[in-house]
N, C-alpha and C. Protein backbone atom coordinates (compact mmCIF):
# COMPACT_ATOMS: atom_id res chain seq x y z
N MET A 1 0.84 -1.17 0.00
CA MET A 1 0.00 0.00 0.00
C MET A 1 0.90 1.24 0.00
N LEU A 2 0.57 2.17 -0.85
CA LEU A 2 1.31 3.43 -0.93
C LEU A 2 0.49 4.53 -0.28
N ARG A 3 1.19 5.47 0.35
CA ARG A 3 0.52 6.63 0.94
C ARG A 3 1.50 7.79 1.01
N GLU A 4 0.96 8.97 1.23
CA GLU A 4 1.83 10.15 1.36
C GLU A 4 2.60 10.08 2.67
N TRP A 5 3.78 10.68 2.65
CA TRP A 5 4.57 10.80 3.87
C TRP A 5 3.87 11.73 4.85
N ARG A 6 4.03 11.46 6.14
CA ARG A 6 3.43 12.28 7.19
C ARG A 6 4.51 12.72 8.17
N GLU A 7 4.19 13.73 8.92
CA GLU A 7 5.11 14.26 9.93
C GLU A 7 5.52 13.17 10.93
N ASP A 8 4.59 12.30 11.30
CA ASP A 8 4.94 11.26 12.28
C ASP A 8 5.80 10.14 11.67
N ASP A 9 6.12 10.23 10.37
CA ASP A 9 7.01 9.27 9.72
C ASP A 9 8.48 9.65 9.84
N LEU A 10 8.78 10.82 10.38
CA LEU A 10 10.16 11.30 10.37
C LEU A 10 11.15 10.31 11.01
N PRO A 11 10.86 9.72 12.18
CA PRO A 11 11.82 8.75 12.72
C PRO A 11 12.01 7.52 11.81
N ALA A 12 10.93 7.02 11.25
CA ALA A 12 11.03 5.87 10.35
C ALA A 12 11.78 6.26 9.08
N MET A 13 11.53 7.46 8.57
CA MET A 13 12.21 7.94 7.37
C MET A 13 13.72 8.00 7.63
N SER A 14 14.09 8.53 8.78
CA SER A 14 15.50 8.61 9.14
C SER A 14 16.13 7.22 9.21
N GLU A 15 15.44 6.28 9.80
CA GLU A 15 15.95 4.91 9.89
C GLU A 15 16.08 4.26 8.52
N LEU A 16 15.10 4.47 7.66
CA LEU A 16 15.12 3.86 6.32
C LEU A 16 16.24 4.41 5.45
N PHE A 17 16.38 5.73 5.44
CA PHE A 17 17.27 6.39 4.49
C PHE A 17 18.70 6.57 4.99
N ASP A 18 18.96 6.32 6.27
CA ASP A 18 20.32 6.40 6.79
C ASP A 18 20.97 5.04 6.61
N ASP A 19 21.25 4.72 5.36
CA ASP A 19 21.69 3.39 4.96
C ASP A 19 22.80 3.54 3.91
N PRO A 20 23.89 2.79 4.03
CA PRO A 20 24.99 2.96 3.07
C PRO A 20 24.60 2.72 1.61
N ASP A 21 23.75 1.74 1.34
CA ASP A 21 23.33 1.49 -0.04
C ASP A 21 22.50 2.64 -0.58
N ILE A 22 21.59 3.15 0.22
CA ILE A 22 20.77 4.28 -0.22
C ILE A 22 21.64 5.51 -0.41
N ALA A 23 22.59 5.73 0.50
CA ALA A 23 23.50 6.86 0.36
C ALA A 23 24.33 6.75 -0.92
N HIS A 24 24.72 5.53 -1.27
CA HIS A 24 25.55 5.33 -2.46
C HIS A 24 24.77 5.54 -3.76
N PHE A 25 23.56 5.00 -3.84
CA PHE A 25 22.84 4.99 -5.11
C PHE A 25 21.80 6.10 -5.28
N THR A 26 21.62 6.96 -4.28
CA THR A 26 20.65 8.05 -4.39
C THR A 26 21.31 9.37 -4.02
N PRO A 27 20.65 10.47 -4.34
CA PRO A 27 21.20 11.77 -3.97
C PRO A 27 20.90 12.17 -2.51
N LEU A 28 20.30 11.29 -1.73
CA LEU A 28 19.97 11.63 -0.35
C LEU A 28 21.23 11.90 0.46
N VAL A 29 21.12 12.85 1.39
CA VAL A 29 22.25 13.22 2.23
C VAL A 29 22.57 12.10 3.22
N THR A 30 23.80 12.11 3.67
CA THR A 30 24.21 11.17 4.69
C THR A 30 25.10 11.90 5.70
N PRO A 31 24.90 11.74 6.95
CA PRO A 31 23.89 10.87 7.56
C PRO A 31 22.49 11.45 7.35
N PHE A 32 21.51 10.58 7.30
CA PHE A 32 20.12 10.98 7.12
C PHE A 32 19.46 10.92 8.50
N ASP A 33 19.60 12.03 9.24
CA ASP A 33 19.07 12.10 10.60
C ASP A 33 17.70 12.75 10.60
N LEU A 34 17.18 13.06 11.78
CA LEU A 34 15.84 13.66 11.88
C LEU A 34 15.77 15.02 11.19
N ASP A 35 16.84 15.80 11.28
CA ASP A 35 16.84 17.10 10.58
C ASP A 35 16.77 16.90 9.07
N ALA A 36 17.52 15.94 8.57
CA ALA A 36 17.48 15.64 7.13
C ALA A 36 16.10 15.14 6.73
N ALA A 37 15.49 14.31 7.58
CA ALA A 37 14.14 13.80 7.30
C ALA A 37 13.13 14.94 7.25
N HIS A 38 13.24 15.87 8.17
CA HIS A 38 12.31 17.01 8.20
C HIS A 38 12.46 17.85 6.93
N ALA A 39 13.70 18.14 6.54
CA ALA A 39 13.95 18.92 5.32
C ALA A 39 13.44 18.16 4.09
N TYR A 40 13.63 16.86 4.06
CA TYR A 40 13.18 16.03 2.94
C TYR A 40 11.66 16.05 2.82
N LEU A 41 10.98 15.93 3.95
CA LEU A 41 9.52 15.96 3.94
C LEU A 41 9.01 17.33 3.46
N ALA A 42 9.62 18.40 3.93
CA ALA A 42 9.22 19.75 3.50
C ALA A 42 9.41 19.91 1.99
N LYS A 43 10.54 19.44 1.47
CA LYS A 43 10.80 19.54 0.03
C LYS A 43 9.82 18.65 -0.75
N ALA A 44 9.49 17.48 -0.23
CA ALA A 44 8.52 16.60 -0.89
C ALA A 44 7.16 17.28 -1.00
N GLU A 45 6.76 17.97 0.05
CA GLU A 45 5.48 18.68 0.01
C GLU A 45 5.50 19.81 -1.01
N GLN A 46 6.61 20.56 -1.08
CA GLN A 46 6.74 21.62 -2.08
C GLN A 46 6.66 21.05 -3.49
N ASN A 47 7.38 19.98 -3.73
CA ASN A 47 7.38 19.36 -5.06
C ASN A 47 6.01 18.82 -5.44
N ARG A 48 5.28 18.27 -4.48
CA ARG A 48 3.93 17.77 -4.76
C ARG A 48 3.01 18.93 -5.12
N LEU A 49 3.09 20.02 -4.36
CA LEU A 49 2.24 21.18 -4.64
C LEU A 49 2.56 21.80 -6.00
N ALA A 50 3.81 21.72 -6.42
CA ALA A 50 4.22 22.24 -7.73
C ALA A 50 3.97 21.23 -8.84
N ASP A 51 3.42 20.06 -8.52
CA ASP A 51 3.14 18.99 -9.47
C ASP A 51 4.40 18.51 -10.18
N LEU A 52 5.52 18.51 -9.44
CA LEU A 52 6.78 18.04 -10.01
C LEU A 52 7.12 16.62 -9.60
N ARG A 53 6.75 16.27 -8.37
CA ARG A 53 7.07 14.94 -7.84
C ARG A 53 5.94 14.42 -6.99
N LEU A 54 5.79 13.13 -7.04
CA LEU A 54 4.89 12.43 -6.14
C LEU A 54 5.77 11.45 -5.38
N GLN A 55 5.94 11.68 -4.07
CA GLN A 55 6.80 10.86 -3.24
C GLN A 55 5.93 10.16 -2.22
N LEU A 56 5.89 8.83 -2.31
CA LEU A 56 4.97 8.05 -1.49
C LEU A 56 5.73 7.03 -0.65
N ALA A 57 5.25 6.85 0.57
CA ALA A 57 5.78 5.82 1.44
C ALA A 57 5.23 4.47 0.99
N ILE A 58 6.10 3.47 0.94
CA ILE A 58 5.70 2.09 0.69
C ILE A 58 5.40 1.48 2.06
N THR A 59 4.21 0.92 2.22
CA THR A 59 3.83 0.30 3.49
C THR A 59 3.22 -1.07 3.21
N ALA A 60 3.11 -1.87 4.25
CA ALA A 60 2.43 -3.16 4.12
C ALA A 60 0.93 -2.99 4.23
N ASP A 61 0.51 -2.04 5.08
CA ASP A 61 -0.91 -1.90 5.40
C ASP A 61 -1.36 -0.46 5.62
N GLY A 62 -0.59 0.50 5.13
CA GLY A 62 -0.90 1.91 5.35
C GLY A 62 -0.25 2.47 6.60
N GLY A 63 0.46 1.64 7.33
CA GLY A 63 1.08 2.06 8.59
C GLY A 63 2.54 2.43 8.41
N VAL A 64 3.40 1.67 9.04
CA VAL A 64 4.84 1.97 9.10
C VAL A 64 5.47 1.95 7.71
N PRO A 65 6.23 3.00 7.36
CA PRO A 65 6.91 3.02 6.06
C PRO A 65 8.02 1.97 5.98
N LEU A 66 8.10 1.32 4.83
CA LEU A 66 9.12 0.32 4.56
C LEU A 66 10.08 0.79 3.47
N GLY A 67 9.70 1.85 2.79
CA GLY A 67 10.50 2.41 1.70
C GLY A 67 9.76 3.55 1.05
N GLU A 68 10.21 3.92 -0.14
CA GLU A 68 9.60 5.04 -0.86
C GLU A 68 9.61 4.75 -2.36
N VAL A 69 8.61 5.28 -3.04
CA VAL A 69 8.56 5.27 -4.50
C VAL A 69 8.23 6.69 -4.94
N LEU A 70 8.87 7.15 -6.01
CA LEU A 70 8.71 8.52 -6.49
C LEU A 70 8.34 8.55 -7.97
N LEU A 71 7.56 9.52 -8.34
CA LEU A 71 7.27 9.81 -9.75
C LEU A 71 7.73 11.23 -9.98
N ILE A 72 8.65 11.42 -10.90
CA ILE A 72 9.29 12.72 -11.13
C ILE A 72 8.96 13.20 -12.53
N ARG A 73 8.35 14.38 -12.60
CA ARG A 73 7.97 14.96 -13.89
C ARG A 73 8.88 16.12 -14.22
N THR A 74 8.98 16.42 -15.53
CA THR A 74 9.71 17.61 -15.97
C THR A 74 8.87 18.34 -17.00
N ASP A 75 9.12 19.63 -17.12
CA ASP A 75 8.43 20.42 -18.14
C ASP A 75 8.92 20.09 -19.54
N LEU A 76 10.17 19.62 -19.62
CA LEU A 76 10.78 19.34 -20.92
C LEU A 76 10.04 18.23 -21.67
N PHE A 77 9.63 17.19 -20.95
CA PHE A 77 8.91 16.06 -21.54
C PHE A 77 7.67 15.80 -20.70
N PRO A 78 6.57 16.51 -20.95
CA PRO A 78 5.40 16.43 -20.07
C PRO A 78 4.69 15.08 -20.06
N LEU A 79 4.89 14.23 -21.05
CA LEU A 79 4.22 12.93 -21.08
C LEU A 79 5.13 11.77 -20.66
N VAL A 80 6.28 12.13 -20.12
CA VAL A 80 7.26 11.16 -19.65
C VAL A 80 7.62 11.50 -18.21
N ALA A 81 7.76 10.49 -17.38
CA ALA A 81 8.18 10.72 -16.00
C ALA A 81 9.21 9.67 -15.60
N ASN A 82 10.06 10.04 -14.67
CA ASN A 82 11.02 9.11 -14.10
C ASN A 82 10.45 8.56 -12.80
N ILE A 83 10.80 7.34 -12.51
CA ILE A 83 10.40 6.70 -11.27
C ILE A 83 11.66 6.37 -10.49
N GLY A 84 11.59 6.54 -9.19
CA GLY A 84 12.68 6.16 -8.30
C GLY A 84 12.11 5.37 -7.14
N TYR A 85 12.95 4.64 -6.45
CA TYR A 85 12.47 3.83 -5.33
C TYR A 85 13.63 3.49 -4.43
N SER A 86 13.30 3.25 -3.19
CA SER A 86 14.26 2.71 -2.23
C SER A 86 13.47 1.97 -1.16
N VAL A 87 14.07 0.92 -0.67
CA VAL A 87 13.45 0.10 0.37
C VAL A 87 14.46 -0.04 1.50
N GLY A 88 13.99 0.12 2.72
CA GLY A 88 14.86 -0.01 3.88
C GLY A 88 15.53 -1.38 3.94
N ALA A 89 16.75 -1.42 4.48
CA ALA A 89 17.54 -2.65 4.50
C ALA A 89 16.80 -3.81 5.14
N LYS A 90 16.05 -3.56 6.18
CA LYS A 90 15.33 -4.63 6.89
C LYS A 90 14.20 -5.23 6.07
N HIS A 91 13.78 -4.51 5.01
CA HIS A 91 12.58 -4.91 4.27
C HIS A 91 12.88 -5.39 2.85
N ARG A 92 14.14 -5.47 2.50
CA ARG A 92 14.51 -5.89 1.14
C ARG A 92 14.27 -7.39 0.95
N GLY A 93 14.11 -7.78 -0.30
CA GLY A 93 13.91 -9.19 -0.63
C GLY A 93 12.46 -9.61 -0.59
N ARG A 94 11.55 -8.66 -0.42
CA ARG A 94 10.12 -8.97 -0.36
C ARG A 94 9.37 -8.48 -1.59
N ARG A 95 10.11 -8.02 -2.61
CA ARG A 95 9.54 -7.52 -3.87
C ARG A 95 8.68 -6.27 -3.67
N LEU A 96 8.94 -5.53 -2.59
CA LEU A 96 8.18 -4.31 -2.30
C LEU A 96 8.40 -3.25 -3.38
N ALA A 97 9.64 -3.06 -3.80
CA ALA A 97 9.92 -2.03 -4.80
C ALA A 97 9.22 -2.35 -6.12
N ALA A 98 9.31 -3.58 -6.58
CA ALA A 98 8.68 -3.94 -7.86
C ALA A 98 7.17 -3.76 -7.79
N ARG A 99 6.57 -4.16 -6.68
CA ARG A 99 5.12 -4.00 -6.55
C ARG A 99 4.73 -2.52 -6.48
N ALA A 100 5.51 -1.73 -5.75
CA ALA A 100 5.22 -0.29 -5.65
C ALA A 100 5.37 0.38 -7.01
N VAL A 101 6.40 0.00 -7.77
CA VAL A 101 6.61 0.57 -9.10
C VAL A 101 5.44 0.22 -10.01
N ARG A 102 4.96 -1.02 -9.94
CA ARG A 102 3.80 -1.40 -10.78
C ARG A 102 2.57 -0.57 -10.44
N VAL A 103 2.34 -0.29 -9.17
CA VAL A 103 1.20 0.55 -8.77
C VAL A 103 1.38 1.96 -9.33
N LEU A 104 2.59 2.49 -9.24
CA LEU A 104 2.84 3.84 -9.76
C LEU A 104 2.72 3.88 -11.29
N ILE A 105 3.11 2.82 -11.96
CA ILE A 105 2.95 2.75 -13.42
C ILE A 105 1.47 2.83 -13.78
N ALA A 106 0.64 2.08 -13.09
CA ALA A 106 -0.80 2.12 -13.37
C ALA A 106 -1.36 3.52 -13.13
N PHE A 107 -0.92 4.17 -12.08
CA PHE A 107 -1.36 5.54 -11.80
C PHE A 107 -0.90 6.49 -12.90
N ALA A 108 0.36 6.36 -13.32
CA ALA A 108 0.90 7.23 -14.37
C ALA A 108 0.14 7.07 -15.67
N ARG A 109 -0.22 5.84 -16.00
CA ARG A 109 -0.97 5.56 -17.23
C ARG A 109 -2.42 5.98 -17.12
N ASP A 110 -3.11 5.55 -16.06
CA ASP A 110 -4.56 5.71 -15.97
C ASP A 110 -4.99 7.08 -15.47
N GLU A 111 -4.25 7.66 -14.55
CA GLU A 111 -4.66 8.93 -13.95
C GLU A 111 -3.94 10.14 -14.54
N MET A 112 -2.70 9.93 -14.99
CA MET A 112 -1.92 11.05 -15.49
C MET A 112 -1.80 11.04 -17.01
N ALA A 113 -2.24 9.96 -17.65
CA ALA A 113 -2.19 9.81 -19.11
C ALA A 113 -0.78 10.01 -19.66
N LEU A 114 0.22 9.49 -18.95
CA LEU A 114 1.59 9.56 -19.43
C LEU A 114 1.82 8.52 -20.52
N ASP A 115 2.77 8.81 -21.39
CA ASP A 115 3.12 7.89 -22.48
C ASP A 115 4.20 6.90 -22.09
N ARG A 116 5.12 7.35 -21.21
CA ARG A 116 6.27 6.51 -20.88
C ARG A 116 6.77 6.85 -19.48
N VAL A 117 7.30 5.84 -18.82
CA VAL A 117 8.01 6.04 -17.56
C VAL A 117 9.42 5.47 -17.72
N GLN A 118 10.35 6.04 -16.97
CA GLN A 118 11.75 5.67 -17.09
C GLN A 118 12.37 5.47 -15.71
N LEU A 119 13.43 4.71 -15.69
CA LEU A 119 14.27 4.53 -14.52
C LEU A 119 15.69 4.91 -14.92
N GLN A 120 16.46 5.48 -14.02
CA GLN A 120 17.87 5.78 -14.25
C GLN A 120 18.65 4.94 -13.24
N ILE A 121 19.42 3.95 -13.73
CA ILE A 121 20.05 2.97 -12.85
C ILE A 121 21.54 2.85 -13.17
N GLU A 122 22.35 2.85 -12.10
CA GLU A 122 23.78 2.60 -12.27
C GLU A 122 23.98 1.14 -12.70
N PRO A 123 24.93 0.89 -13.59
CA PRO A 123 25.11 -0.47 -14.11
C PRO A 123 25.56 -1.50 -13.06
N ASP A 124 26.04 -1.06 -11.90
CA ASP A 124 26.43 -2.01 -10.86
C ASP A 124 25.37 -2.18 -9.78
N ASN A 125 24.18 -1.64 -10.03
CA ASN A 125 23.08 -1.75 -9.06
C ASN A 125 22.17 -2.93 -9.46
N GLY A 126 22.65 -4.13 -9.22
CA GLY A 126 21.92 -5.33 -9.59
C GLY A 126 20.51 -5.41 -9.02
N PRO A 127 20.31 -5.10 -7.73
CA PRO A 127 18.94 -5.17 -7.19
C PRO A 127 17.98 -4.22 -7.90
N SER A 128 18.45 -3.04 -8.26
CA SER A 128 17.57 -2.10 -8.95
C SER A 128 17.25 -2.57 -10.37
N MET A 129 18.22 -3.19 -11.02
CA MET A 129 17.95 -3.74 -12.35
C MET A 129 16.95 -4.89 -12.26
N ALA A 130 17.00 -5.66 -11.19
CA ALA A 130 16.02 -6.73 -11.00
C ALA A 130 14.61 -6.16 -10.82
N VAL A 131 14.51 -5.04 -10.11
CA VAL A 131 13.21 -4.36 -9.96
C VAL A 131 12.73 -3.91 -11.34
N ALA A 132 13.61 -3.32 -12.12
CA ALA A 132 13.25 -2.84 -13.45
C ALA A 132 12.68 -3.97 -14.31
N ARG A 133 13.37 -5.08 -14.32
CA ARG A 133 12.90 -6.23 -15.12
C ARG A 133 11.56 -6.74 -14.61
N ALA A 134 11.43 -6.86 -13.29
CA ALA A 134 10.18 -7.37 -12.70
C ALA A 134 9.00 -6.46 -12.99
N ALA A 135 9.26 -5.17 -13.17
CA ALA A 135 8.18 -4.21 -13.44
C ALA A 135 7.98 -3.96 -14.93
N GLY A 136 8.65 -4.72 -15.78
CA GLY A 136 8.41 -4.64 -17.22
C GLY A 136 9.20 -3.58 -17.96
N PHE A 137 10.29 -3.08 -17.39
CA PHE A 137 11.13 -2.09 -18.06
C PHE A 137 12.17 -2.80 -18.92
N ARG A 138 12.63 -2.08 -19.95
CA ARG A 138 13.69 -2.59 -20.81
C ARG A 138 14.79 -1.54 -20.89
N LEU A 139 15.99 -2.00 -21.01
CA LEU A 139 17.12 -1.09 -21.16
C LEU A 139 16.96 -0.32 -22.47
N ALA A 140 16.94 0.99 -22.37
CA ALA A 140 16.79 1.84 -23.56
C ALA A 140 18.14 1.95 -24.27
N GLY A 141 18.12 2.36 -25.48
CA GLY A 141 19.34 2.51 -26.24
C GLY A 141 20.00 3.87 -26.06
N ASP A 142 19.55 4.65 -25.10
CA ASP A 142 20.11 5.99 -24.88
C ASP A 142 21.54 5.89 -24.35
N PRO A 143 22.37 6.88 -24.70
CA PRO A 143 23.71 6.88 -24.11
C PRO A 143 23.61 7.09 -22.59
N PRO A 144 24.56 6.55 -21.84
CA PRO A 144 24.53 6.74 -20.39
C PRO A 144 24.60 8.22 -20.01
N ILE A 145 23.97 8.55 -18.91
CA ILE A 145 24.04 9.89 -18.34
C ILE A 145 25.19 9.87 -17.34
N VAL A 146 26.18 10.73 -17.55
CA VAL A 146 27.35 10.77 -16.67
C VAL A 146 27.18 11.95 -15.71
N LEU A 147 27.28 11.64 -14.42
CA LEU A 147 27.10 12.64 -13.38
C LEU A 147 28.23 12.58 -12.36
N GLU A 148 28.35 13.65 -11.60
CA GLU A 148 29.22 13.65 -10.44
C GLU A 148 28.41 14.18 -9.27
N GLU A 149 28.40 13.42 -8.20
CA GLU A 149 27.63 13.79 -7.02
C GLU A 149 28.29 13.17 -5.80
N LYS A 150 28.27 13.89 -4.72
CA LYS A 150 28.86 13.41 -3.47
C LYS A 150 30.32 12.99 -3.66
N GLY A 151 31.02 13.69 -4.55
CA GLY A 151 32.44 13.43 -4.75
C GLY A 151 32.77 12.21 -5.59
N ARG A 152 31.79 11.64 -6.27
CA ARG A 152 32.09 10.48 -7.12
C ARG A 152 31.42 10.65 -8.48
N ALA A 153 32.10 10.18 -9.50
CA ALA A 153 31.54 10.19 -10.86
C ALA A 153 30.89 8.83 -11.10
N PHE A 154 29.77 8.84 -11.81
CA PHE A 154 29.07 7.61 -12.11
C PHE A 154 28.21 7.82 -13.34
N SER A 155 27.75 6.71 -13.91
CA SER A 155 26.87 6.80 -15.07
C SER A 155 25.55 6.12 -14.74
N LEU A 156 24.51 6.60 -15.37
CA LEU A 156 23.17 6.05 -15.21
C LEU A 156 22.68 5.56 -16.57
N HIS A 157 22.16 4.35 -16.58
CA HIS A 157 21.56 3.81 -17.80
C HIS A 157 20.05 3.99 -17.69
N THR A 158 19.44 4.32 -18.81
CA THR A 158 18.00 4.55 -18.84
C THR A 158 17.27 3.25 -19.19
N TRP A 159 16.31 2.92 -18.36
CA TRP A 159 15.38 1.82 -18.60
C TRP A 159 14.03 2.47 -18.85
N SER A 160 13.25 1.97 -19.80
CA SER A 160 11.97 2.62 -20.10
C SER A 160 10.85 1.59 -20.22
N ARG A 161 9.67 2.12 -20.06
CA ARG A 161 8.46 1.31 -20.26
C ARG A 161 7.41 2.18 -20.93
N ASP A 162 6.98 1.75 -22.09
CA ASP A 162 5.95 2.45 -22.83
C ASP A 162 4.60 2.13 -22.19
N LEU A 163 3.80 3.16 -21.96
CA LEU A 163 2.49 2.98 -21.31
C LEU A 163 1.34 2.96 -22.30
N ARG A 164 1.62 3.10 -23.57
CA ARG A 164 0.56 3.16 -24.58
C ARG A 164 0.51 1.91 -25.44
N ASP A 165 0.99 0.79 -24.92
CA ASP A 165 0.94 -0.47 -25.70
C ASP A 165 -0.47 -1.01 -25.72
């Protein structure tokens, strides 16, 4: 079950996102303490109000957050959105990310009338590539996106899924 983040999620958010794997593969700050969680929640609310991002907690039953799934829009390509996800270390291996991504894909297609969704994945992130495959994404033929963040250079490969099949 997906739901919006709430103020009372801040301790759980801090626990989920203060993780070496999440710090390595996402732009989230580290350490991800309560102050970082509060700033993240405030920014998520701003982005939602601006219709730029939809950031949802992944839960088993609407209660305690187990991870997050995001839908990121840009003005440059209004019918295409990027999806991101992370699952807390204690909750991995339960296919939560793949199921959450599938729910977000249905929302993007049925409610937002998007044409395509994409993932940006580092080539050494095997678990994320497994999520991509499980959710029906295919590696696109686009050249890798080369970035530098947190003092390291890395490349992202684009995986895509057409929603108008």
